[in-house]
PDB file of N, CA and C in Angstrom:
ATOM      1  N   UNK A   1     114.941 163.517-103.850  1.00  0.00           N
ATOM      2  CA  UNK A   1     115.515 162.210-104.085  1.00  0.00           C
ATOM      3  C   UNK A   1     116.712 162.350-105.024  1.00  0.00           C
ATOM      4  N   UNK A   2     117.702 161.554-104.821  1.00  0.00           N
ATOM      5  CA  UNK A   2     118.923 161.594-105.625  1.00  0.00           C
ATOM      6  C   UNK A   2     118.677 161.043-107.019  1.00  0.00           C
ATOM      7  N   UNK A   3     119.446 161.550-107.950  1.00  0.00           N
ATOM      8  CA  UNK A   3     119.397 161.055-109.318  1.00  0.00           C
ATOM      9  C   UNK A   3     120.742 160.451-109.649  1.00  0.00           C
ATOM     10  N   UNK A   4     120.726 159.260-110.195  1.00  0.00           N
ATOM     11  CA  UNK A   4     121.959 158.613-110.615  1.00  0.00           C
ATOM     12  C   UNK A   4     122.020 158.708-112.131  1.00  0.00           C
ATOM     13  N   UNK A   5     123.125 159.213-112.638  1.00  0.00           N
ATOM     14  CA  UNK A   5     123.270 159.422-114.074  1.00  0.00           C
ATOM     15  C   UNK A   5     124.506 158.716-114.594  1.00  0.00           C
ATOM     16  N   UNK A   6     124.408 158.286-115.834  1.00  0.00           N
ATOM     17  CA  UNK A   6     125.579 157.726-116.491  1.00  0.00           C
ATOM     18  C   UNK A   6     126.446 158.845-117.024  1.00  0.00           C
ATOM     19  N   UNK A   7     127.705 158.860-116.660  1.00  0.00           N
ATOM     20  CA  UNK A   7     128.622 159.905-117.103  1.00  0.00           C
ATOM     21  C   UNK A   7     129.969 159.288-117.469  1.00  0.00           C
ATOM     22  N   UNK A   8     130.781 160.099-118.113  1.00  0.00           N
ATOM     23  CA  UNK A   8     132.173 159.753-118.391  1.00  0.00           C
ATOM     24  C   UNK A   8     133.028 160.542-117.413  1.00  0.00           C
ATOM     25  N   UNK A   9     133.949 159.864-116.743  1.00  0.00           N
ATOM     26  CA  UNK A   9     134.831 160.515-115.776  1.00  0.00           C
ATOM     27  C   UNK A   9     136.239 160.500-116.344  1.00  0.00           C
ATOM     28  N   UNK A  10     136.824 161.683-116.468  1.00  0.00           N
ATOM     29  CA  UNK A  10     138.200 161.801-116.946  1.00  0.00           C
ATOM     30  C   UNK A  10     139.144 161.924-115.768  1.00  0.00           C
ATOM     31  N   UNK A  11     140.218 161.152-115.783  1.00  0.00           N
ATOM     32  CA  UNK A  11     141.195 161.165-114.692  1.00  0.00           C
ATOM     33  C   UNK A  11     142.564 161.478-115.273  1.00  0.00           C
ATOM     34  N   UNK A  12     143.250 162.428-114.646  1.00  0.00           N
ATOM     35  CA  UNK A  12     144.634 162.744-114.998  1.00  0.00           C
ATOM     36  C   UNK A  12     145.475 162.546-113.752  1.00  0.00           C
ATOM     37  N   UNK A  13     146.471 161.692-113.853  1.00  0.00           N
ATOM     38  CA  UNK A  13     147.262 161.356-112.674  1.00  0.00           C
ATOM     39  C   UNK A  13     146.380 160.605-111.701  1.00  0.00           C
ATOM     40  N   UNK A  14     146.201 161.149-110.512  1.00  0.00           N
ATOM     41  CA  UNK A  14     145.335 160.535-109.512  1.00  0.00           C
ATOM     42  C   UNK A  14     144.150 161.424-109.168  1.00  0.00           C
ATOM     43  N   UNK A  15     143.830 162.378-110.049  1.00  0.00           N
ATOM     44  CA  UNK A  15     142.749 163.322-109.769  1.00  0.00           C
ATOM     45  C   UNK A  15     141.686 163.276-110.853  1.00  0.00           C
ATOM     46  N   UNK A  16     140.442 163.479-110.429  1.00  0.00           N
ATOM     47  CA  UNK A  16     139.352 163.597-111.383  1.00  0.00           C
ATOM     48  C   UNK A  16     139.533 164.912-112.125  1.00  0.00           C
ATOM     49  N   UNK A  17     139.655 164.848-113.438  1.00  0.00           N
ATOM     50  CA  UNK A  17     139.880 166.041-114.239  1.00  0.00           C
ATOM     51  C   UNK A  17     138.584 166.582-114.823  1.00  0.00           C
ATOM     52  N   UNK A  18     137.603 165.708-115.086  1.00  0.00           N
ATOM     53  CA  UNK A  18     136.329 166.169-115.631  1.00  0.00           C
ATOM     54  C   UNK A  18     135.262 165.098-115.449  1.00  0.00           C
ATOM     55  N   UNK A  19     134.036 165.556-115.444  1.00  0.00           N
ATOM     56  CA  UNK A  19     132.867 164.679-115.440  1.00  0.00           C
ATOM     57  C   UNK A  19     131.986 165.183-116.574  1.00  0.00           C
ATOM     58  N   UNK A  20     131.635 164.291-117.489  1.00  0.00           N
ATOM     59  CA  UNK A  20     130.932 164.713-118.684  1.00  0.00           C
ATOM     60  C   UNK A  20     129.855 163.701-119.070  1.00  0.00           C
ATOM     61  N   UNK A  21     128.817 164.198-119.724  1.00  0.00           N
ATOM     62  CA  UNK A  21     127.811 163.295-120.278  1.00  0.00           C
ATOM     63  C   UNK A  21     128.191 162.850-121.686  1.00  0.00           C
ATOM     64  N   UNK A  22     129.338 163.327-122.155  1.00  0.00           N
ATOM     65  CA  UNK A  22     129.788 163.030-123.510  1.00  0.00           C
ATOM     66  C   UNK A  22     130.516 161.703-123.616  1.00  0.00           C
ATOM     67  N   UNK A  23     131.023 161.455-124.800  1.00  0.00           N
ATOM     68  CA  UNK A  23     131.763 160.223-125.068  1.00  0.00           C
ATOM     69  C   UNK A  23     133.187 160.314-124.532  1.00  0.00           C
ATOM     70  N   UNK A  24     133.845 159.182-124.541  1.00  0.00           N
ATOM     71  CA  UNK A  24     135.234 159.102-124.111  1.00  0.00           C
ATOM     72  C   UNK A  24     136.107 159.732-125.191  1.00  0.00           C
ATOM     73  N   UNK A  25     136.996 160.659-124.827  1.00  0.00           N
ATOM     74  CA  UNK A  25     137.869 161.277-125.831  1.00  0.00           C
ATOM     75  C   UNK A  25     138.751 160.232-126.511  1.00  0.00           C
ATOM     76  N   UNK A  26     139.035 160.434-127.777  1.00  0.00           N
ATOM     77  CA  UNK A  26     139.858 159.476-128.519  1.00  0.00           C
ATOM     78  C   UNK A  26     141.296 159.446-128.019  1.00  0.00           C
ATOM     79  N   UNK A  27     141.681 160.431-127.207  1.00  0.00           N
ATOM     80  CA  UNK A  27     143.042 160.474-126.672  1.00  0.00           C
ATOM     81  C   UNK A  27     143.207 159.675-125.390  1.00  0.00           C
ATOM     82  N   UNK A  28     142.137 159.061-124.904  1.00  0.00           N
ATOM     83  CA  UNK A  28     142.213 158.298-123.651  1.00  0.00           C
ATOM     84  C   UNK A  28     143.191 157.141-123.809  1.00  0.00           C
ATOM     85  N   UNK A  29     144.098 156.997-122.845  1.00  0.00           N
ATOM     86  CA  UNK A  29     145.077 155.911-122.890  1.00  0.00           C
ATOM     87  C   UNK A  29     144.486 154.614-122.340  1.00  0.00           C
ATOM     88  N   UNK A  30     143.647 154.721-121.326  1.00  0.00           N
ATOM     89  CA  UNK A  30     143.024 153.557-120.712  1.00  0.00           C
ATOM     90  C   UNK A  30     141.542 153.831-120.541  1.00  0.00           C
ATOM     91  N   UNK A  31     140.727 152.819-120.751  1.00  0.00           N
ATOM     92  CA  UNK A  31     139.287 152.944-120.562  1.00  0.00           C
ATOM     93  C   UNK A  31     138.834 151.805-119.662  1.00  0.00           C
ATOM     94  N   UNK A  32     138.112 152.152-118.610  1.00  0.00           N
ATOM     95  CA  UNK A  32     137.555 151.161-117.692  1.00  0.00           C
ATOM     96  C   UNK A  32     136.043 151.230-117.812  1.00  0.00           C
ATOM     97  N   UNK A  33     135.411 150.131-118.148  1.00  0.00           N
ATOM     98  CA  UNK A  33     133.953 150.094-118.239  1.00  0.00           C
ATOM     99  C   UNK A  33     133.404 149.819-116.848  1.00  0.00           C
ATOM    100  N   UNK A  34     132.884 150.855-116.200  1.00  0.00           N
ATOM    101  CA  UNK A  34     132.340 150.722-114.847  1.00  0.00           C
ATOM    102  C   UNK A  34     130.818 150.712-114.871  1.00  0.00           C
ATOM    103  N   UNK A  35     130.231 150.415-116.035  1.00  0.00           N
ATOM    104  CA  UNK A  35     128.771 150.389-116.177  1.00  0.00           C
ATOM    105  C   UNK A  35     128.158 149.471-115.114  1.00  0.00           C
ATOM    106  N   UNK A  36     127.121 149.975-114.459  1.00  0.00           N
ATOM    107  CA  UNK A  36     126.444 149.199-113.427  1.00  0.00           C
ATOM    108  C   UNK A  36     127.061 149.322-112.045  1.00  0.00           C
ATOM    109  N   UNK A  37     128.096 150.137-111.917  1.00  0.00           N
ATOM    110  CA  UNK A  37     128.763 150.347-110.630  1.00  0.00           C
ATOM    111  C   UNK A  37     128.585 151.785-110.183  1.00  0.00           C
ATOM    112  N   UNK A  38     128.771 152.031-108.907  1.00  0.00           N
ATOM    113  CA  UNK A  38     128.736 153.374-108.363  1.00  0.00           C
ATOM    114  C   UNK A  38     130.168 153.875-108.256  1.00  0.00           C
ATOM    115  N   UNK A  39     130.422 155.044-108.821  1.00  0.00           N
ATOM    116  CA  UNK A  39     131.738 155.665-108.737  1.00  0.00           C
ATOM    117  C   UNK A  39     131.596 156.853-107.793  1.00  0.00           C
ATOM    118  N   UNK A  40     132.337 156.847-106.719  1.00  0.00           N
ATOM    119  CA  UNK A  40     132.202 157.871-105.681  1.00  0.00           C
ATOM    120  C   UNK A  40     133.562 158.524-105.421  1.00  0.00           C
ATOM    121  N   UNK A  41     133.978 159.435-106.300  1.00  0.00           N
ATOM    122  CA  UNK A  41     135.268 160.103-106.089  1.00  0.00           C
ATOM    123  C   UNK A  41     135.308 160.821-104.743  1.00  0.00           C
ATOM    124  N   UNK A  42     136.413 160.718-104.080  1.00  0.00           N
ATOM    125  CA  UNK A  42     136.585 161.439-102.828  1.00  0.00           C
ATOM    126  C   UNK A  42     136.340 160.605-101.584  1.00  0.00           C
ATOM    127  N   UNK A  43     135.732 159.457-101.732  1.00  0.00           N
ATOM    128  CA  UNK A  43     135.510 158.628-100.542  1.00  0.00           C
ATOM    129  C   UNK A  43     136.814 157.914-100.226  1.00  0.00           C
ATOM    130  N   UNK A  44     137.336 158.175 -99.057  1.00  0.00           N
ATOM    131  CA  UNK A  44     138.598 157.597 -98.640  1.00  0.00           C
ATOM    132  C   UNK A  44     138.371 156.450 -97.670  1.00  0.00           C
ATOM    133  N   UNK A  45     137.389 156.590 -96.804  1.00  0.00           N
ATOM    134  CA  UNK A  45     137.096 155.571 -95.809  1.00  0.00           C
ATOM    135  C   UNK A  45     136.702 154.270 -96.499  1.00  0.00           C
ATOM    136  N   UNK A  46     137.476 153.241 -96.308  1.00  0.00           N
ATOM    137  CA  UNK A  46     137.189 151.975 -96.978  1.00  0.00           C
ATOM    138  C   UNK A  46     136.069 151.209 -96.283  1.00  0.00           C
ATOM    139  N   UNK A  47     135.567 151.714 -95.175  1.00  0.00           N
ATOM    140  CA  UNK A  47     134.511 151.036 -94.429  1.00  0.00           C
ATOM    141  C   UNK A  47     133.301 151.967 -94.364  1.00  0.00           C
ATOM    142  N   UNK A  48     132.359 151.767 -95.256  1.00  0.00           N
ATOM    143  CA  UNK A  48     131.167 152.599 -95.302  1.00  0.00           C
ATOM    144  C   UNK A  48     129.924 151.727 -95.261  1.00  0.00           C
ATOM    145  N   UNK A  49     128.816 152.326 -94.913  1.00  0.00           N
ATOM    146  CA  UNK A  49     127.548 151.598 -94.822  1.00  0.00           C
ATOM    147  C   UNK A  49     126.448 152.337 -95.569  1.00  0.00           C
ATOM    148  N   UNK A  50     126.724 152.753 -96.796  1.00  0.00           N
ATOM    149  CA  UNK A  50     125.695 153.425 -97.572  1.00  0.00           C
ATOM    150  C   UNK A  50     124.497 152.492 -97.733  1.00  0.00           C
ATOM    151  N   UNK A  51     123.329 153.054 -97.526  1.00  0.00           N
ATOM    152  CA  UNK A  51     122.108 152.284 -97.693  1.00  0.00           C
ATOM    153  C   UNK A  51     121.690 151.496 -96.471  1.00  0.00           C
ATOM    154  N   UNK A  52     122.397 151.674 -95.361  1.00  0.00           N
ATOM    155  CA  UNK A  52     122.048 150.919 -94.152  1.00  0.00           C
ATOM    156  C   UNK A  52     120.760 151.435 -93.522  1.00  0.00           C
ATOM    157  N   UNK A  53     120.553 152.754 -93.535  1.00  0.00           N
ATOM    158  CA  UNK A  53     119.389 153.329 -92.864  1.00  0.00           C
ATOM    159  C   UNK A  53     118.474 154.112 -93.792  1.00  0.00           C
ATOM    160  N   UNK A  54     118.965 154.488 -94.962  1.00  0.00           N
ATOM    161  CA  UNK A  54     118.194 155.220 -95.965  1.00  0.00           C
ATOM    162  C   UNK A  54     118.336 154.475 -97.291  1.00  0.00           C
ATOM    163  N   UNK A  55     117.489 154.781 -98.259  1.00  0.00           N
ATOM    164  CA  UNK A  55     117.719 154.201 -99.579  1.00  0.00           C
ATOM    165  C   UNK A  55     119.132 154.543-100.059  1.00  0.00           C
ATOM    166  N   UNK A  56     119.768 153.622-100.722  1.00  0.00           N
ATOM    167  CA  UNK A  56     121.169 153.770-101.117  1.00  0.00           C
ATOM    168  C   UNK A  56     121.449 155.109-101.792  1.00  0.00           C
ATOM    169  N   UNK A  57     120.644 155.452-102.809  1.00  0.00           N
ATOM    170  CA  UNK A  57     120.877 156.669-103.572  1.00  0.00           C
ATOM    171  C   UNK A  57     120.806 157.917-102.693  1.00  0.00           C
ATOM    172  N   UNK A  58     119.856 157.963-101.759  1.00  0.00           N
ATOM    173  CA  UNK A  58     119.731 159.113-100.857  1.00  0.00           C
ATOM    174  C   UNK A  58     120.910 159.180 -99.894  1.00  0.00           C
ATOM    175  N   UNK A  59     121.324 158.035 -99.406  1.00  0.00           N
ATOM    176  CA  UNK A  59     122.430 157.976 -98.456  1.00  0.00           C
ATOM    177  C   UNK A  59     123.738 158.428 -99.111  1.00  0.00           C
ATOM    178  N   UNK A  60     123.965 158.044-100.360  1.00  0.00           N
ATOM    179  CA  UNK A  60     125.179 158.449-101.063  1.00  0.00           C
ATOM    180  C   UNK A  60     125.242 159.968-101.150  1.00  0.00           C
ATOM    181  N   UNK A  61     124.114 160.607-101.485  1.00  0.00           N
ATOM    182  CA  UNK A  61     124.095 162.067-101.613  1.00  0.00           C
ATOM    183  C   UNK A  61     124.365 162.733-100.272  1.00  0.00           C
ATOM    184  N   UNK A  62     123.655 162.328 -99.223  1.00  0.00           N
ATOM    185  CA  UNK A  62     123.816 163.000 -97.937  1.00  0.00           C
ATOM    186  C   UNK A  62     125.196 162.732 -97.333  1.00  0.00           C
ATOM    187  N   UNK A  63     125.703 161.534 -97.456  1.00  0.00           N
ATOM    188  CA  UNK A  63     127.008 161.220 -96.870  1.00  0.00           C
ATOM    189  C   UNK A  63     128.150 161.872 -97.652  1.00  0.00           C
ATOM    190  N   UNK A  64     127.996 161.993 -98.979  1.00  0.00           N
ATOM    191  CA  UNK A  64     129.010 162.662 -99.776  1.00  0.00           C
ATOM    192  C   UNK A  64     129.065 164.146 -99.418  1.00  0.00           C
ATOM    193  N   UNK A  65     127.896 164.776 -99.241  1.00  0.00           N
ATOM    194  CA  UNK A  65     127.875 166.179 -98.835  1.00  0.00           C
ATOM    195  C   UNK A  65     128.511 166.346 -97.462  1.00  0.00           C
ATOM    196  N   UNK A  66     128.205 165.446 -96.532  1.00  0.00           N
ATOM    197  CA  UNK A  66     128.773 165.529 -95.189  1.00  0.00           C
ATOM    198  C   UNK A  66     130.292 165.362 -95.229  1.00  0.00           C
ATOM    199  N   UNK A  67     130.777 164.447 -96.062  1.00  0.00           N
ATOM    200  CA  UNK A  67     132.214 164.247 -96.179  1.00  0.00           C
ATOM    201  C   UNK A  67     132.893 165.475 -96.769  1.00  0.00           C
ATOM    202  N   UNK A  68     132.261 166.113 -97.740  1.00  0.00           N
ATOM    203  CA  UNK A  68     132.837 167.323 -98.347  1.00  0.00           C
ATOM    204  C   UNK A  68     132.934 168.452 -97.328  1.00  0.00           C
ATOM    205  N   UNK A  69     131.917 168.592 -96.492  1.00  0.00           N
ATOM    206  CA  UNK A  69     131.933 169.643 -95.459  1.00  0.00           C
ATOM    207  C   UNK A  69     133.011 169.348 -94.434  1.00  0.00           C
ATOM    208  N   UNK A  70     133.178 168.058 -94.095  1.00  0.00           N
ATOM    209  CA  UNK A  70     134.163 167.669 -93.096  1.00  0.00           C
ATOM    210  C   UNK A  70     135.585 167.695 -93.604  1.00  0.00           C
ATOM    211  N   UNK A  71     135.744 167.805 -94.926  1.00  0.00           N
ATOM    212  CA  UNK A  71     137.090 167.872 -95.500  1.00  0.00           C
ATOM    213  C   UNK A  71     137.664 166.524 -95.703  1.00  0.00           C
TER     214      UNK A  71
END
């Protein structure tokens, strides 16, 4: 079963630069509080159906892996 964790995501330009369980660096220029939301870097398709046939958390893991393999 998938595990959903709270993390800090660092972005430089338009790319994810780091994923950390730590605090937000004091050098951050902008901070977005996305608490309670799912952040799915790499998903380009704006039309998805996560959770339609499997529990949401499981579907996110399997579909993200499939997307990574497909490029």
